[in-house]
Amino acid sequence: MSKKWFLAIIPGVLALMILMFVVALFLIKILWAWTIPDIFPGAVEQNLIVAELSWLTSFKLALFVAVLFGIASSSSKHERKN
């Protein structure tokens, strides 16, 4: 019985994870365009920093942040066990 229940929730969990990742993409893209030009206006004018991120770059940043949070959460769980 519990195995069937476990297999039934897998699609929902995957859909939730994908939705959270897409929301993270939008947040990174919107927050970058909203904050970076205000914080670094000279660097944006000199093209040292882009004013808006592409979708691919925001995907890379979201993936990077997810990996960092995964490492941080696994290390904090490891510290609690010791």
N, C-alpha and C. Protein backbone atom coordinates (compact mmCIF):
# COMPACT_ATOMS: atom_id res chain seq x y z
N MET A 1 0.81 -1.20 0.00
CA MET A 1 0.00 0.00 0.00
C MET A 1 0.86 1.26 0.00
N SER A 2 1.89 1.29 0.83
CA SER A 2 2.71 2.49 0.92
C SER A 2 3.53 2.72 -0.34
N LYS A 3 3.88 1.64 -1.04
CA LYS A 3 4.64 1.78 -2.28
C LYS A 3 3.79 2.44 -3.36
N LYS A 4 2.52 2.10 -3.44
CA LYS A 4 1.63 2.74 -4.41
C LYS A 4 1.45 4.22 -4.08
N TRP A 5 1.33 4.53 -2.80
CA TRP A 5 1.17 5.92 -2.39
C TRP A 5 2.42 6.72 -2.74
N PHE A 6 3.58 6.12 -2.53
CA PHE A 6 4.83 6.79 -2.84
C PHE A 6 4.94 7.05 -4.34
N LEU A 7 4.57 6.08 -5.16
CA LEU A 7 4.63 6.26 -6.61
C LEU A 7 3.59 7.26 -7.10
N ALA A 8 2.52 7.44 -6.37
CA ALA A 8 1.48 8.38 -6.77
C ALA A 8 1.90 9.82 -6.53
N ILE A 9 2.74 10.09 -5.54
CA ILE A 9 3.10 11.48 -5.25
C ILE A 9 4.32 11.94 -6.04
N ILE A 10 5.04 11.04 -6.69
CA ILE A 10 6.24 11.43 -7.44
C ILE A 10 5.94 12.46 -8.52
N PRO A 11 4.90 12.29 -9.37
CA PRO A 11 4.64 13.33 -10.38
C PRO A 11 4.33 14.70 -9.77
N GLY A 12 3.61 14.71 -8.66
CA GLY A 12 3.30 15.98 -8.01
C GLY A 12 4.53 16.66 -7.46
N VAL A 13 5.42 15.88 -6.87
CA VAL A 13 6.66 16.43 -6.33
C VAL A 13 7.53 16.97 -7.45
N LEU A 14 7.63 16.23 -8.55
CA LEU A 14 8.42 16.70 -9.69
C LEU A 14 7.84 17.98 -10.28
N ALA A 15 6.51 18.04 -10.40
CA ALA A 15 5.87 19.24 -10.92
C ALA A 15 6.12 20.43 -10.00
N LEU A 16 6.08 20.20 -8.69
CA LEU A 16 6.35 21.28 -7.74
C LEU A 16 7.79 21.76 -7.84
N MET A 17 8.72 20.84 -8.01
CA MET A 17 10.13 21.23 -8.15
C MET A 17 10.35 22.04 -9.42
N ILE A 18 9.73 21.62 -10.51
CA ILE A 18 9.87 22.35 -11.78
C ILE A 18 9.26 23.74 -11.64
N LEU A 19 8.10 23.83 -11.00
CA LEU A 19 7.45 25.12 -10.80
C LEU A 19 8.33 26.05 -9.95
N MET A 20 8.92 25.53 -8.90
CA MET A 20 9.81 26.34 -8.06
C MET A 20 11.03 26.81 -8.85
N PHE A 21 11.56 25.97 -9.72
CA PHE A 21 12.71 26.36 -10.52
C PHE A 21 12.34 27.45 -11.52
N VAL A 22 11.17 27.34 -12.14
CA VAL A 22 10.73 28.37 -13.08
C VAL A 22 10.49 29.70 -12.36
N VAL A 23 9.91 29.64 -11.17
CA VAL A 23 9.72 30.86 -10.38
C VAL A 23 11.07 31.47 -10.03
N ALA A 24 12.05 30.64 -9.71
CA ALA A 24 13.39 31.15 -9.42
C ALA A 24 13.99 31.83 -10.64
N LEU A 25 13.76 31.27 -11.84
CA LEU A 25 14.24 31.92 -13.07
C LEU A 25 13.65 33.31 -13.22
N PHE A 26 12.34 33.42 -13.05
CA PHE A 26 11.69 34.72 -13.18
C PHE A 26 12.20 35.70 -12.13
N LEU A 27 12.35 35.23 -10.89
CA LEU A 27 12.83 36.12 -9.83
C LEU A 27 14.24 36.62 -10.10
N ILE A 28 15.12 35.75 -10.54
CA ILE A 28 16.49 36.16 -10.83
C ILE A 28 16.51 37.17 -11.96
N LYS A 29 15.76 36.90 -13.02
CA LYS A 29 15.74 37.80 -14.17
C LYS A 29 15.15 39.16 -13.81
N ILE A 30 14.05 39.16 -13.08
CA ILE A 30 13.39 40.42 -12.72
C ILE A 30 14.22 41.21 -11.70
N LEU A 31 14.72 40.52 -10.67
CA LEU A 31 15.49 41.22 -9.64
C LEU A 31 16.80 41.78 -10.19
N TRP A 32 17.42 41.07 -11.12
CA TRP A 32 18.65 41.58 -11.74
C TRP A 32 18.35 42.88 -12.48
N ALA A 33 17.32 42.87 -13.32
CA ALA A 33 16.99 44.06 -14.11
C ALA A 33 16.53 45.21 -13.22
N TRP A 34 16.00 44.91 -12.06
CA TRP A 34 15.49 45.94 -11.17
C TRP A 34 16.59 46.53 -10.30
N THR A 35 17.55 45.72 -9.86
CA THR A 35 18.52 46.22 -8.88
C THR A 35 19.89 46.58 -9.46
N ILE A 36 20.42 45.79 -10.35
CA ILE A 36 21.80 45.98 -10.81
C ILE A 36 22.01 47.33 -11.49
N PRO A 37 21.12 47.78 -12.40
CA PRO A 37 21.35 49.11 -13.00
C PRO A 37 21.32 50.24 -11.98
N ASP A 38 20.56 50.08 -10.89
CA ASP A 38 20.53 51.12 -9.85
C ASP A 38 21.76 51.07 -8.96
N ILE A 39 22.26 49.87 -8.69
CA ILE A 39 23.42 49.73 -7.81
C ILE A 39 24.71 50.10 -8.53
N PHE A 40 24.85 49.66 -9.78
CA PHE A 40 26.07 49.88 -10.56
C PHE A 40 25.77 50.61 -11.87
N PRO A 41 25.31 51.86 -11.81
CA PRO A 41 24.95 52.55 -13.06
C PRO A 41 26.14 52.81 -13.97
N GLY A 42 27.28 53.13 -13.40
CA GLY A 42 28.47 53.39 -14.22
C GLY A 42 28.96 52.14 -14.92
N ALA A 43 28.93 51.03 -14.23
CA ALA A 43 29.38 49.77 -14.83
C ALA A 43 28.43 49.32 -15.93
N VAL A 44 27.14 49.60 -15.76
CA VAL A 44 26.18 49.24 -16.80
C VAL A 44 26.38 50.13 -18.02
N GLU A 45 26.63 51.42 -17.81
CA GLU A 45 26.86 52.34 -18.93
C GLU A 45 28.12 51.98 -19.71
N GLN A 46 29.15 51.51 -19.01
CA GLN A 46 30.40 51.12 -19.67
C GLN A 46 30.36 49.68 -20.18
N ASN A 47 29.21 49.03 -20.05
CA ASN A 47 29.01 47.63 -20.47
C ASN A 47 29.93 46.66 -19.73
N LEU A 48 30.29 46.98 -18.50
CA LEU A 48 31.04 46.03 -17.68
C LEU A 48 30.11 45.00 -17.06
N ILE A 49 28.86 45.41 -16.81
CA ILE A 49 27.82 44.54 -16.29
C ILE A 49 26.59 44.72 -17.18
N VAL A 50 25.92 43.62 -17.50
CA VAL A 50 24.73 43.73 -18.34
C VAL A 50 23.57 44.27 -17.51
N ALA A 51 22.70 45.02 -18.17
CA ALA A 51 21.53 45.57 -17.49
C ALA A 51 20.44 44.52 -17.33
N GLU A 52 20.32 43.61 -18.29
CA GLU A 52 19.32 42.54 -18.22
C GLU A 52 19.97 41.22 -18.55
N LEU A 53 19.54 40.17 -17.86
CA LEU A 53 20.07 38.83 -18.10
C LEU A 53 19.27 38.12 -19.18
N SER A 54 19.95 37.26 -19.91
CA SER A 54 19.23 36.39 -20.84
C SER A 54 18.62 35.24 -20.06
N TRP A 55 17.71 34.51 -20.71
CA TRP A 55 17.09 33.37 -20.04
C TRP A 55 18.11 32.29 -19.73
N LEU A 56 19.08 32.11 -20.62
CA LEU A 56 20.10 31.09 -20.39
C LEU A 56 20.97 31.46 -19.19
N THR A 57 21.33 32.72 -19.08
CA THR A 57 22.15 33.15 -17.95
C THR A 57 21.37 33.06 -16.64
N SER A 58 20.09 33.40 -16.66
CA SER A 58 19.30 33.27 -15.44
C SER A 58 19.12 31.80 -15.08
N PHE A 59 19.04 30.92 -16.08
CA PHE A 59 18.99 29.47 -15.82
C PHE A 59 20.27 29.01 -15.14
N LYS A 60 21.41 29.48 -15.64
CA LYS A 60 22.70 29.10 -15.05
C LYS A 60 22.80 29.60 -13.62
N LEU A 61 22.36 30.83 -13.37
CA LEU A 61 22.40 31.36 -12.00
C LEU A 61 21.46 30.60 -11.07
N ALA A 62 20.28 30.26 -11.56
CA ALA A 62 19.34 29.50 -10.73
C ALA A 62 19.90 28.12 -10.41
N LEU A 63 20.54 27.50 -11.38
CA LEU A 63 21.16 26.20 -11.15
C LEU A 63 22.30 26.31 -10.14
N PHE A 64 23.10 27.36 -10.27
CA PHE A 64 24.21 27.59 -9.35
C PHE A 64 23.71 27.81 -7.93
N VAL A 65 22.67 28.61 -7.79
CA VAL A 65 22.11 28.88 -6.46
C VAL A 65 21.51 27.60 -5.87
N ALA A 66 20.85 26.79 -6.70
CA ALA A 66 20.28 25.53 -6.21
C ALA A 66 21.38 24.60 -5.70
N VAL A 67 22.49 24.54 -6.42
CA VAL A 67 23.60 23.69 -5.98
C VAL A 67 24.18 24.23 -4.67
N LEU A 68 24.34 25.54 -4.57
CA LEU A 68 24.86 26.11 -3.32
C LEU A 68 23.94 25.83 -2.13
N PHE A 69 22.63 25.99 -2.32
CA PHE A 69 21.70 25.69 -1.25
C PHE A 69 21.71 24.21 -0.91
N GLY A 70 21.87 23.36 -1.91
CA GLY A 70 21.95 21.93 -1.65
C GLY A 70 23.17 21.57 -0.83
N ILE A 71 24.30 22.17 -1.17
CA ILE A 71 25.53 21.92 -0.41
C ILE A 71 25.40 22.46 1.01
N ALA A 72 24.84 23.65 1.13
CA ALA A 72 24.70 24.25 2.46
C ALA A 72 23.75 23.44 3.34
N SER A 73 22.66 22.97 2.76
CA SER A 73 21.71 22.21 3.58
C SER A 73 22.27 20.84 3.95
N SER A 74 23.03 20.23 3.05
CA SER A 74 23.60 18.92 3.38
C SER A 74 24.70 19.05 4.43
N SER A 75 25.47 20.13 4.37
CA SER A 75 26.52 20.31 5.38
C SER A 75 25.92 20.66 6.73
N SER A 76 24.82 21.41 6.75
CA SER A 76 24.20 21.74 8.03
C SER A 76 23.54 20.50 8.64
N LYS A 77 23.00 19.61 7.83
CA LYS A 77 22.44 18.36 8.35
C LYS A 77 23.55 17.48 8.89
N HIS A 78 24.69 17.50 8.22
CA HIS A 78 25.83 16.69 8.66
C HIS A 78 26.35 17.19 10.00
N GLU A 79 26.38 18.49 10.20
CA GLU A 79 26.88 19.06 11.45
C GLU A 79 25.94 18.73 12.61
N ARG A 80 24.63 18.66 12.36
CA ARG A 80 23.68 18.36 13.42
C ARG A 80 23.81 16.92 13.91
N LYS A 81 24.21 16.02 13.02
CA LYS A 81 24.34 14.62 13.41
C LYS A 81 25.54 14.40 14.31
N ASN A 82 26.57 15.20 14.16
CA ASN A 82 27.80 15.01 14.96
C ASN A 82 27.69 15.61 16.31
